Protein backbone atom coordinates (compact mmCIF):
# COMPACT_ATOMS: atom_id res chain seq x y z
CA MET A 1 -44.09 39.60 10.09
CA SER A 2 -42.95 36.62 12.33
CA THR A 3 -39.62 36.45 14.18
CA ARG A 4 -38.73 33.42 12.14
CA ASP A 5 -39.33 35.36 8.92
CA GLU A 6 -37.12 38.17 10.03
CA ASN A 7 -34.39 35.72 11.07
CA GLN A 8 -34.48 34.09 7.60
CA ARG A 9 -34.43 37.39 5.82
CA GLY A 10 -31.59 38.65 8.16
CA ALA A 11 -29.49 35.42 7.51
CA LYS A 12 -26.11 36.08 5.92
CA LYS A 13 -26.33 35.49 2.26
CA PRO A 14 -23.45 33.59 0.41
CA ARG A 15 -21.38 35.44 -1.94
CA ARG A 16 -22.70 35.74 -5.43
CA ASP A 17 -19.81 33.69 -6.96
CA GLN A 18 -20.42 30.85 -4.53
CA ARG A 19 -24.16 30.46 -5.35
CA SER A 20 -25.42 27.89 -7.73
CA GLU A 21 -28.70 26.63 -9.04
CA ARG A 22 -28.61 23.78 -6.60
CA GLN A 23 -28.15 26.15 -3.63
CA SER A 24 -31.21 28.06 -4.70
CA GLU A 25 -33.16 24.87 -4.94
CA ARG A 26 -32.11 23.94 -1.41
CA GLU A 27 -33.29 27.35 -0.11
CA GLN A 28 -36.63 26.78 -1.93
CA GLU A 29 -36.86 23.37 -0.11
CA ASP A 30 -36.28 24.78 3.24
CA ARG A 31 -39.04 27.36 2.76
CA SER A 32 -41.41 24.85 1.37
CA PHE A 33 -40.97 21.56 3.26
CA THR A 34 -40.24 20.47 6.74
CA SER A 35 -36.98 19.26 7.44
CA VAL A 36 -37.75 15.58 7.67
CA ILE A 37 -39.33 15.58 4.28
CA VAL A 38 -36.16 17.26 2.78
CA LYS A 39 -33.79 14.69 4.45
CA ARG A 40 -35.89 11.68 3.16
CA THR A 41 -35.70 13.25 -0.38
CA ASP A 42 -32.02 13.74 -0.15
CA GLU A 43 -31.36 10.17 0.91
CA ALA A 44 -33.40 8.76 -1.95
CA MET A 45 -31.44 10.42 -4.60
CA ARG A 46 -28.64 12.87 -4.05
CA HIS A 47 -27.84 15.70 -6.49
CA PRO A 48 -24.23 15.81 -7.73
CA ASP A 49 -23.82 19.02 -5.79
CA ASP A 50 -24.81 17.40 -2.56
CA VAL A 51 -22.44 14.54 -3.25
CA LEU A 52 -19.52 16.85 -3.86
CA ASP A 53 -20.32 18.69 -0.57
CA LEU A 54 -20.40 15.32 1.20
CA ALA A 55 -16.96 14.36 -0.38
CA ILE A 56 -15.41 17.64 0.63
CA ARG A 57 -16.56 17.51 4.17
CA GLU A 58 -15.49 13.96 4.62
CA GLY A 59 -12.17 14.60 3.07
CA GLU A 60 -11.68 17.49 5.36
CA ALA A 61 -12.70 15.42 8.47
CA GLN A 62 -10.22 12.74 7.56
CA ALA A 63 -7.51 15.41 7.02
CA LYS A 64 -8.07 16.76 10.47
CA ARG A 65 -8.21 13.41 12.27
CA ARG A 66 -5.68 12.49 14.84
CA VAL A 67 -2.79 10.39 13.63
CA ALA A 68 -3.46 7.57 16.07
CA SER A 69 -7.12 7.28 15.04
CA LEU A 70 -6.33 7.47 11.33
CA VAL A 71 -3.58 4.82 11.52
CA LEU A 72 -5.44 2.42 13.62
CA SER A 73 -8.45 2.77 11.22
CA ALA A 74 -6.02 1.99 8.35
CA VAL A 75 -4.55 -1.05 9.92
CA GLY A 76 -7.90 -2.43 10.35
CA ALA A 77 -8.72 -1.91 6.68
CA GLY A 78 -5.53 -3.64 5.64
CA ALA A 79 -6.05 -6.52 7.86
CA ILE A 80 -9.65 -6.80 6.52
CA LEU A 81 -8.41 -7.17 3.09
CA ALA A 82 -6.74 -10.55 4.10
CA PHE A 83 -10.31 -11.90 3.52
CA THR A 84 -10.01 -10.92 -0.16
CA ALA A 85 -6.71 -12.69 -0.39
CA LEU A 86 -8.23 -15.70 1.48
CA ALA A 87 -11.33 -15.77 -0.88
CA VAL A 88 -9.31 -15.59 -4.08
CA GLY A 89 -6.62 -17.97 -2.94
CA VAL A 90 -9.21 -20.52 -2.01
CA MET A 91 -11.09 -20.19 -5.29
CA SER A 92 -7.88 -20.35 -7.25
CA GLN A 93 -7.00 -23.53 -5.41
CA ILE A 94 -10.40 -25.07 -6.21
CA THR A 95 -10.37 -24.12 -9.93
CA GLY A 96 -6.67 -24.88 -10.49
CA ALA A 97 -7.10 -28.41 -9.00
CA GLY A 98 -10.05 -29.07 -11.47
CA GLU A 99 -10.56 -28.88 -15.23
CA ALA A 100 -12.03 -25.23 -15.41
CA SER A 101 -11.14 -23.21 -18.41
CA PRO A 102 -9.04 -19.99 -17.85
CA LEU A 103 -12.01 -18.00 -18.43
CA MET A 104 -14.00 -19.73 -15.73
CA GLU A 105 -11.13 -19.51 -13.33
CA ARG A 106 -10.96 -15.74 -13.84
CA LEU A 107 -14.73 -15.38 -13.49
CA SER A 108 -14.88 -17.49 -10.34
CA THR A 109 -12.16 -15.59 -8.59
CA ALA A 110 -13.85 -12.33 -9.65
CA LEU A 111 -17.03 -13.33 -7.94
CA VAL A 112 -15.34 -13.64 -4.54
CA TYR A 113 -12.81 -10.82 -4.84
CA PRO A 114 -15.18 -8.21 -3.69
CA LEU A 115 -15.98 -9.83 -0.38
CA GLY A 116 -13.13 -8.39 1.51
CA PHE A 117 -13.69 -4.99 0.10
CA VAL A 118 -17.48 -4.98 1.11
CA LEU A 119 -16.33 -5.86 4.71
CA CYS A 120 -13.74 -3.21 4.70
CA LEU A 121 -15.74 -0.26 3.18
CA MET A 122 -18.85 -1.21 5.01
CA SER A 123 -16.88 -1.15 8.36
CA ARG A 124 -15.92 2.52 7.61
CA THR A 125 -12.24 1.70 8.06
CA GLN A 126 -9.80 3.90 5.95
CA LEU A 127 -8.66 2.31 2.67
CA PHE A 128 -5.88 3.96 0.72
CA THR A 129 -7.49 3.70 -2.72
CA GLU A 130 -10.66 5.33 -1.41
CA HIS A 131 -8.60 8.24 -0.28
CA THR A 132 -6.81 8.73 -3.67
CA ALA A 133 -9.83 10.86 -4.53
CA LEU A 134 -11.43 11.74 -1.09
CA ALA A 135 -8.27 13.60 0.11
CA VAL A 136 -8.22 15.61 -3.19
CA TYR A 137 -11.62 17.18 -2.87
CA PRO A 138 -10.97 19.63 -0.05
CA VAL A 139 -7.56 20.62 -1.56
CA LEU A 140 -9.40 21.59 -4.86
CA ASP A 141 -11.98 23.34 -2.77
CA ARG A 142 -9.21 25.17 -0.84
CA LYS A 143 -10.38 23.78 2.49
CA CYS A 144 -7.09 22.02 3.14
CA GLY A 145 -3.54 22.33 1.91
CA VAL A 146 -1.52 19.88 -0.15
CA SER A 147 0.48 18.98 3.06
CA ALA A 148 -2.69 17.73 4.55
CA MET A 149 -3.52 15.53 1.67
CA LEU A 150 -0.01 13.99 1.57
CA ARG A 151 -0.33 13.34 5.40
CA VAL A 152 -3.58 11.37 4.82
CA TRP A 153 -2.08 9.40 2.02
CA GLY A 154 1.10 8.67 3.86
CA LEU A 155 -0.56 7.64 7.04
CA VAL A 156 -3.43 5.50 5.41
CA LEU A 157 -0.97 3.73 3.13
CA ALA A 158 1.37 2.98 6.07
CA GLY A 159 -1.49 1.70 8.14
CA ASN A 160 -2.92 -0.28 5.32
CA LEU A 161 0.40 -2.10 4.66
CA ALA A 162 0.94 -2.80 8.31
CA GLY A 163 -2.55 -4.33 8.34
CA CYS A 164 -1.62 -6.50 5.30
CA VAL A 165 1.28 -7.91 7.21
CA LEU A 166 -0.91 -8.66 10.13
CA GLY A 167 -3.61 -10.29 8.01
CA ALA A 168 -0.96 -12.38 6.05
CA VAL A 169 0.45 -13.56 9.39
CA LEU A 170 -2.95 -14.71 10.58
CA LEU A 171 -3.54 -16.49 7.28
CA TYR A 172 -0.13 -18.15 7.50
CA GLY A 173 -1.03 -19.35 11.06
CA ALA A 174 -4.41 -20.78 9.72
CA SER A 175 -2.84 -22.30 6.57
CA GLY A 176 -3.25 -25.76 7.80
CA VAL A 177 -6.96 -25.28 7.92
CA VAL A 178 -7.40 -23.12 4.71
CA GLN A 179 -5.01 -25.48 2.78
CA ALA A 180 -4.73 -22.95 -0.23
CA SER A 181 -1.01 -22.60 -0.61
CA ASP A 182 -1.00 -23.46 -4.30
CA GLY A 183 -3.87 -20.95 -4.80
CA PHE A 184 -2.02 -18.19 -3.02
CA ALA A 185 1.03 -19.00 -5.05
CA ALA A 186 -1.04 -18.81 -8.46
CA VAL A 187 -2.41 -15.39 -7.50
CA ALA A 188 1.01 -14.10 -6.63
CA GLU A 189 2.30 -15.34 -9.96
CA HIS A 190 -0.33 -13.44 -11.79
CA THR A 191 0.33 -10.27 -9.80
CA LEU A 192 4.06 -10.25 -10.52
CA GLY A 193 3.80 -11.46 -14.16
CA PHE A 194 3.73 -8.15 -15.92
CA GLY A 195 6.06 -5.38 -17.00
CA THR A 196 6.39 -1.93 -15.69
CA VAL A 197 3.87 -0.25 -18.12
CA ASP A 198 1.28 -3.08 -17.94
CA THR A 199 1.30 -3.04 -14.16
CA LEU A 200 1.11 0.82 -14.13
CA LEU A 201 -1.73 1.17 -16.51
CA SER A 202 -3.51 -1.77 -14.83
CA ALA A 203 -3.27 0.04 -11.43
CA VAL A 204 -4.58 3.25 -13.01
CA LEU A 205 -7.80 1.45 -14.00
CA ALA A 206 -8.14 -0.17 -10.56
CA GLY A 207 -7.50 3.19 -8.85
CA TRP A 208 -10.24 4.81 -11.11
CA LEU A 209 -12.75 2.10 -10.19
CA MET A 210 -12.05 2.25 -6.49
CA ALA A 211 -12.42 5.99 -6.40
CA LEU A 212 -15.44 5.78 -8.40
CA GLY A 213 -16.95 3.36 -6.07
CA GLY A 214 -16.15 5.76 -3.19
CA TRP A 215 -18.02 8.54 -5.05
CA LEU A 216 -20.88 6.30 -5.60
CA LEU A 217 -21.07 5.33 -1.94
CA LEU A 218 -21.62 8.90 -1.09
CA ALA A 219 -24.25 9.30 -3.77
CA THR A 220 -26.37 6.14 -2.54
CA PRO A 221 -28.45 5.85 0.66
CA PRO A 222 -27.12 3.67 3.54
CA ASP A 223 -28.70 0.45 2.62
CA PHE A 224 -28.07 -2.62 0.44
CA SER A 225 -27.46 -0.34 -2.52
CA GLN A 226 -24.09 0.51 -1.21
CA ILE A 227 -22.94 -3.06 -0.92
CA VAL A 228 -24.06 -3.43 -4.65
CA VAL A 229 -21.83 -0.42 -5.48
CA ILE A 230 -18.77 -1.81 -3.78
CA TYR A 231 -19.37 -5.21 -5.31
CA MET A 232 -19.77 -3.80 -8.86
CA ALA A 233 -16.47 -1.73 -8.73
CA THR A 234 -14.32 -4.34 -7.17
CA PHE A 235 -15.83 -7.17 -9.23
CA LEU A 236 -14.52 -5.31 -12.23
CA ILE A 237 -10.96 -5.15 -10.66
CA GLY A 238 -11.09 -8.98 -10.13
CA LEU A 239 -12.37 -9.74 -13.47
CA GLY A 240 -9.71 -7.72 -15.15
CA GLY A 241 -7.00 -8.96 -12.88
CA LEU A 242 -6.06 -5.40 -12.26
CA HIS A 243 -3.44 -4.15 -9.69
CA HIS A 244 -4.95 -2.92 -6.44
CA SER A 245 -2.00 -1.91 -4.35
CA ILE A 246 -3.44 -2.99 -0.87
CA ALA A 247 -5.24 -6.18 -1.96
CA GLY A 248 -2.16 -7.01 -4.08
CA ALA A 249 0.21 -6.46 -1.07
CA SER A 250 -1.93 -8.80 1.06
CA GLU A 251 -2.04 -11.43 -1.56
CA LEU A 252 1.94 -11.35 -2.01
CA LEU A 253 2.50 -11.37 1.54
CA THR A 254 0.31 -14.25 2.19
CA ALA A 255 1.74 -16.09 -0.71
CA ARG A 256 5.39 -15.54 0.68
CA PHE A 257 4.50 -16.57 4.11
CA THR A 258 2.73 -19.71 2.92
CA GLY A 259 5.79 -20.89 0.95
CA ALA A 260 5.57 -19.48 -2.46
CA ASP A 261 8.65 -17.98 -4.24
CA VAL A 262 7.93 -14.20 -4.16
CA PRO A 263 11.20 -12.06 -4.36
CA LEU A 264 10.83 -9.19 -1.84
CA ALA A 265 12.40 -6.72 -4.37
CA ARG A 266 10.16 -7.67 -7.16
CA ALA A 267 7.08 -7.66 -4.90
CA ALA A 268 8.03 -4.29 -3.43
CA ALA A 269 8.44 -2.70 -7.02
CA THR A 270 5.11 -4.13 -8.12
CA ILE A 271 3.29 -2.58 -5.09
CA GLY A 272 5.10 0.59 -5.65
CA LEU A 273 3.81 0.86 -9.30
CA ALA A 274 0.47 -0.13 -8.13
CA VAL A 275 0.49 2.79 -5.44
CA ILE A 276 1.46 5.29 -8.12
CA GLY A 277 -1.17 4.01 -10.59
CA ASN A 278 -3.92 3.91 -8.06
CA LEU A 279 -3.13 7.52 -7.03
CA ALA A 280 -3.30 8.66 -10.72
CA GLY A 281 -6.64 6.86 -11.41
CA GLY A 282 -8.28 8.08 -8.29
CA ALA A 283 -7.05 11.73 -8.13
CA LEU A 284 -7.09 12.46 -11.88
CA PHE A 285 -9.95 10.37 -13.26
CA VAL A 286 -12.33 10.74 -10.47
CA ALA A 287 -11.55 13.53 -8.04
CA VAL A 288 -10.40 16.28 -10.67
CA LEU A 289 -13.04 15.35 -13.21
CA ASN A 290 -15.91 15.06 -10.70
CA TYR A 291 -14.90 18.32 -9.00
CA GLY A 292 -14.40 20.06 -12.25
CA HIS A 293 -17.78 19.13 -13.87
CA VAL A 294 -19.82 19.82 -10.76
CA ARG A 295 -18.31 23.30 -10.16
CA GLN A 296 -18.46 24.02 -13.98
CA THR A 297 -22.24 23.17 -13.82
CA GLN A 298 -22.66 25.44 -10.87
CA SER A 299 -21.01 28.35 -12.64
CA ASP A 300 -23.16 28.17 -15.82
C-alpha cells in the first residue's frame, strides 16, 4: 500500500452527525479525479452545500476583519452607490421633462438603477444589504457569536452612510454639469411618499432581493453571469420602486444637497425603516431559509 493511501486512510474522519451526502460525494471526487478537474467542475455549477460553505466562510472572514479595513470598504461601497443616484436622477429628469407615461418612466429608471450596484458588488466593497444575510450564516453555524454579527452590521452600515454623504457631496459639486436637480427631487419625493407599513414592507422585499443576489453571486462562477445576477436582483428593486436603505440614503442626500425640500427628520425615519426592513428581508427570508433547507437536506 502506498504512503499516500495510508495517509488518506489515516486522515481524521468528520463526526457522523456532520457528514452529509454531498461530503461523501466530494470524497469520492477527490479519489477519482485530479484537483484541477474537480475545481473546474465546482466553478461550472456549485452544489447548495458548497454555496453554504462559501457563505459561512465569507461571513466568518468579514466578522474577523479589522475595523479600519471593514469600515473603509463600506465607505467605498456607499460612495459608489452615488452612481445609482446619478443614473436614476438623470433618467427621471429626462423622462419627467418629456411626455413619457408613468409606466415608461418607472421602466426607464429601473433599467439604469442596477448600474451602481454592479460597480459596487463587482468591486468587492462591503454593502450593508449584502451582509444582512452574509453575517448571519456563521452565527447559525456557531462559528461566530451574535456580537460579531452586530459588529459587522453596525460597522458596514455606518461606513455605507458615510460613503453616501461623500457621494452626495461630489454629485452636488458636479450638479452644474449633471443638471438633474429636478430628477433628484422627483426620486426623493417617491422615496418619502409612503407610510410606515408600506415603507417597511417595501424594504423587506428589497432586502430579500439583495440578500438573494448575494447568495446567487456565491453560486455562480466569477464571470459575466455574476453581473447578470446583480442586475436581475436590483432591476426588480428599481422596477418596484422598493426601499433600499443605502441607495435611498444616497438619493435623499443628493436631492437635499441639490436644493430639494427633504426634511431631515422624515428622511432619517424613512432610512431607519428601510434598514429594519432590509435586515428582516435578508436575515429571515434568505439566511435562515437557505441555511435551514441545506442543513435539513444534509440530515436526511
